[in-house]
Protein backbone atom coordinates (compact mmCIF):
# COMPACT_ATOMS: atom_id res chain seq x y z
CA MET A 1 6.80 118.24 48.27
CA MET A 2 9.01 115.16 47.82
CA MET A 3 12.02 117.30 47.13
CA LYS A 4 11.37 119.17 50.35
CA THR A 5 11.03 115.92 52.39
CA GLY A 6 14.15 114.47 50.90
CA ASN A 7 16.23 117.59 51.66
CA ALA A 8 14.83 117.40 55.29
CA VAL A 9 15.81 113.76 55.74
CA LEU A 10 19.40 114.40 54.19
CA VAL A 11 19.81 117.46 56.47
CA ALA A 12 18.88 115.37 59.41
CA MET A 13 20.99 112.36 58.43
CA THR A 14 23.75 114.77 57.95
CA THR A 15 23.39 116.27 61.38
CA ALA A 16 23.32 112.92 63.01
CA VAL A 17 26.45 111.66 61.37
CA LEU A 18 28.24 115.00 62.44
CA LEU A 19 27.06 114.71 65.97
CA LEU A 20 28.31 110.87 66.27
CA THR A 21 31.74 111.63 64.75
CA ALA A 22 32.29 114.92 66.69
CA GLY A 23 33.90 113.17 69.61
CA CYS A 24 36.03 110.58 67.65
CA ASP A 25 39.47 110.85 66.47
CA GLU A 26 40.71 109.97 62.97
CA GLU A 27 40.46 106.13 63.45
CA GLY A 28 36.76 106.65 64.70
CA LYS A 29 37.92 106.16 68.51
CA SER A 30 36.28 108.14 71.00
CA GLY A 31 38.48 111.03 72.02
CA GLN A 32 38.95 112.81 75.50
CA VAL A 33 37.17 115.95 76.00
CA PRO A 34 39.31 118.48 77.23
CA ALA A 35 38.87 119.47 80.99
CA SER A 36 37.10 122.55 81.48
CA PRO A 37 38.82 125.46 83.21
CA ALA A 38 36.94 124.88 86.43
CA THR A 39 38.02 121.28 86.50
CA THR A 40 41.67 122.15 85.74
CA ASN A 41 41.67 124.74 88.62
CA GLN A 42 40.12 122.12 91.08
CA GLN A 43 42.91 119.56 90.28
CA ALA A 44 45.73 122.16 90.77
CA LYS A 45 44.25 123.18 94.21
CA THR A 46 44.19 119.52 95.51
CA PRO A 47 46.31 119.11 98.57
CA ALA A 48 49.42 117.00 98.73
CA ALA A 49 49.03 113.62 100.47
CA PRO A 50 49.45 113.94 104.38
CA GLY A 51 53.14 113.82 105.36
CA THR A 52 54.47 115.26 102.10
CA GLN A 53 55.56 118.72 101.35
CA ASN A 54 54.98 120.70 98.22
CA VAL A 55 58.30 121.84 96.73
CA THR A 56 57.90 124.27 93.89
CA PRO A 57 60.67 124.48 91.25
CA SER A 58 61.76 127.67 92.89
CA GLN A 59 62.42 126.00 96.27
CA THR A 60 64.98 123.55 97.56
CA GLU A 61 64.28 121.10 100.44
CA ILE A 62 67.15 120.90 102.64
CA LYS A 63 67.87 119.38 106.21
CA LEU A 64 69.17 122.07 108.93
CA TYR A 65 70.80 120.65 112.00
CA PHE A 66 70.13 121.84 115.40
CA PRO A 67 71.62 120.65 118.82
CA ASN A 68 69.19 118.67 121.28
CA GLU A 69 68.56 119.97 124.77
CA ALA A 70 71.21 117.66 126.24
CA GLY A 71 73.90 119.08 123.90
CA ASP A 72 75.12 115.52 122.96
CA GLY A 73 73.75 115.40 119.47
CA LEU A 74 72.25 117.02 116.44
CA GLN A 75 68.88 116.45 114.80
CA PRO A 76 67.75 117.33 111.31
CA VAL A 77 64.77 119.49 110.33
CA LYS A 78 63.54 119.53 106.84
CA VAL A 79 62.66 122.98 105.45
CA ASN A 80 62.04 124.42 101.99
CA ILE A 81 64.15 127.38 101.12
CA PRO A 82 64.37 129.59 98.00
CA SER A 83 66.42 127.89 95.37
CA GLU A 84 67.93 131.39 94.41
CA ASP A 85 71.19 131.66 96.59
CA LYS A 86 70.23 128.53 98.32
CA TYR A 87 73.49 128.43 100.34
CA THR A 88 73.00 131.72 101.92
CA GLN A 89 69.42 130.84 102.63
CA ALA A 90 70.14 127.68 104.17
CA VAL A 91 72.49 129.46 106.81
CA LYS A 92 70.12 132.23 107.48
CA GLU A 93 67.62 129.59 108.31
CA LEU A 94 69.94 127.96 110.55
CA VAL A 95 70.80 131.18 112.44
CA ALA A 96 67.10 132.04 112.81
CA GLY A 97 66.65 128.89 114.84
CA THR A 98 63.82 126.44 115.21
CA LYS A 99 60.74 125.93 117.25
CA GLU A 100 60.90 122.16 117.11
CA PRO A 101 60.45 120.81 120.61
CA GLY A 102 63.53 119.41 122.19
CA LEU A 103 65.98 121.31 119.95
CA ILE A 104 67.84 124.51 120.80
CA ASN A 105 69.16 127.44 118.97
CA ILE A 106 73.01 127.71 119.08
CA PHE A 107 73.84 131.01 117.18
CA PRO A 108 74.31 134.23 119.34
CA LYS A 109 71.51 136.61 119.17
CA GLY A 110 72.22 139.60 116.64
CA VAL A 111 74.74 137.53 114.24
CA LYS A 112 74.35 138.19 110.65
CA VAL A 113 75.27 136.07 107.63
CA ARG A 114 77.42 138.41 105.53
CA SER A 115 78.05 135.99 102.72
CA VAL A 116 78.52 132.41 101.65
CA LYS A 117 80.71 131.52 98.83
CA VAL A 118 81.07 128.19 97.20
CA THR A 119 84.43 127.50 95.33
CA GLY A 120 84.87 124.03 94.17
CA ASN A 121 83.85 121.74 97.16
CA LEU A 122 84.60 124.45 99.83
CA ALA A 123 81.75 126.66 101.23
CA THR A 124 83.17 129.97 102.88
CA VAL A 125 80.39 131.26 105.47
CA ASP A 126 81.22 134.65 106.67
CA PHE A 127 79.32 136.10 109.85
CA SER A 128 79.14 139.38 111.45
CA LYS A 129 81.29 140.03 114.53
CA GLU A 130 78.44 138.89 116.86
CA LEU A 131 79.38 135.41 116.22
CA THR A 132 82.60 135.63 118.22
CA HIS A 133 81.63 138.71 120.34
CA LYS A 134 78.18 137.47 121.74
CA PHE A 135 78.84 133.76 121.77
CA VAL A 136 78.11 132.35 125.44
CA GLY A 137 78.36 128.75 125.01
CA GLY A 138 81.58 126.68 126.33
CA SER A 139 83.52 123.94 124.50
CA THR A 140 80.12 121.91 123.81
CA GLY A 141 78.44 124.77 122.64
CA GLU A 142 81.12 125.76 120.25
CA GLN A 143 81.31 122.08 118.89
CA MET A 144 77.61 121.93 118.31
CA LEU A 145 77.48 125.46 116.56
CA VAL A 146 80.27 124.39 114.28
CA SER A 147 78.81 120.75 113.85
CA ALA A 148 75.20 122.34 113.10
CA LEU A 149 76.81 124.59 110.44
CA VAL A 150 78.90 121.92 108.76
CA ASN A 151 76.26 119.37 108.71
CA THR A 152 73.89 121.67 107.29
CA MET A 153 76.22 122.87 104.53
CA THR A 154 77.37 119.46 103.64
CA GLU A 155 73.74 118.47 102.89
CA PHE A 156 74.45 120.13 99.54
CA PRO A 157 76.40 117.25 97.80
CA GLU A 158 78.58 119.54 96.05
CA ILE A 159 79.94 120.81 99.35
CA GLU A 160 82.47 118.87 101.29
CA ARG A 161 84.37 121.35 103.51
CA VAL A 162 83.18 124.54 105.49
CA LEU A 163 85.50 127.41 106.42
CA ILE A 164 83.96 129.99 108.96
CA THR A 165 84.98 133.61 108.66
CA VAL A 166 84.08 136.72 110.59
CA GLU A 167 83.94 140.16 109.00
CA GLY A 168 85.67 138.46 105.89
CA GLU A 169 88.74 137.25 108.04
CA ARG A 170 89.77 133.87 109.16
CA ILE A 171 89.33 133.38 112.87
CA GLU A 172 91.44 131.07 115.15
CA THR A 173 88.44 130.15 117.26
CA ILE A 174 84.85 131.21 118.20
CA ALA A 175 85.11 131.06 121.92
CA GLY A 176 88.57 129.60 122.48
CA HIS A 177 87.67 125.88 122.58
CA LEU A 178 87.94 124.94 118.94
CA ASP A 179 90.42 125.58 116.18
CA THR A 180 88.33 127.09 113.27
CA SER A 181 91.42 128.37 111.20
CA GLU A 182 90.98 125.57 108.71
CA PRO A 183 88.01 124.16 107.01
CA PHE A 184 85.85 121.46 108.57
CA THR A 185 84.69 118.37 106.99
CA ARG A 186 81.29 116.75 108.00
CA PRO A 187 81.65 115.44 111.62
CA THR A 188 80.43 111.73 112.07
CA GLY A 189 78.66 110.37 115.34
CA LEU A 190 76.63 113.39 116.25
CA VAL A 191 73.61 113.00 114.13
CA GLN A 192 70.79 111.24 116.02
């Protein structure tokens, strides 16, 4: 009888010691209990703080520039674009336009971005023929279009100059008001 009681006490003590040390690390300090999958999923779904945007590794945040309604300046609009082929994506977003109040879309309807090639610090942006054939703005509109494009592309720190081509060829002008035969650098004084 004594043997059975001794074994029972020994088993109870061993169990108690195991239970007490189960949550401790090698130094006897309490370890952290891993989060359950439900807790982990809730943390992952927690929204970002108001006013911040979630940018995933597959996205790049960029400022696109659009003319204001008065036609005397540009205003930036932050957007997230796919990081893959980010230069082309940025120009496509610019051409697609904005719905921000007080800003206008300057690219002619139907114009397509054929390609964007970056060599050194030069970006060559090639458009379809609609850029010149369907452009309806005057000298201010032409300046706003070029400035919006150049400001947008030079948001990428590696780009300092932008050359505009149509159907793979250099053009003298978009609508007869501005010489577009050479690359442009970022204009100053237009951003509000």
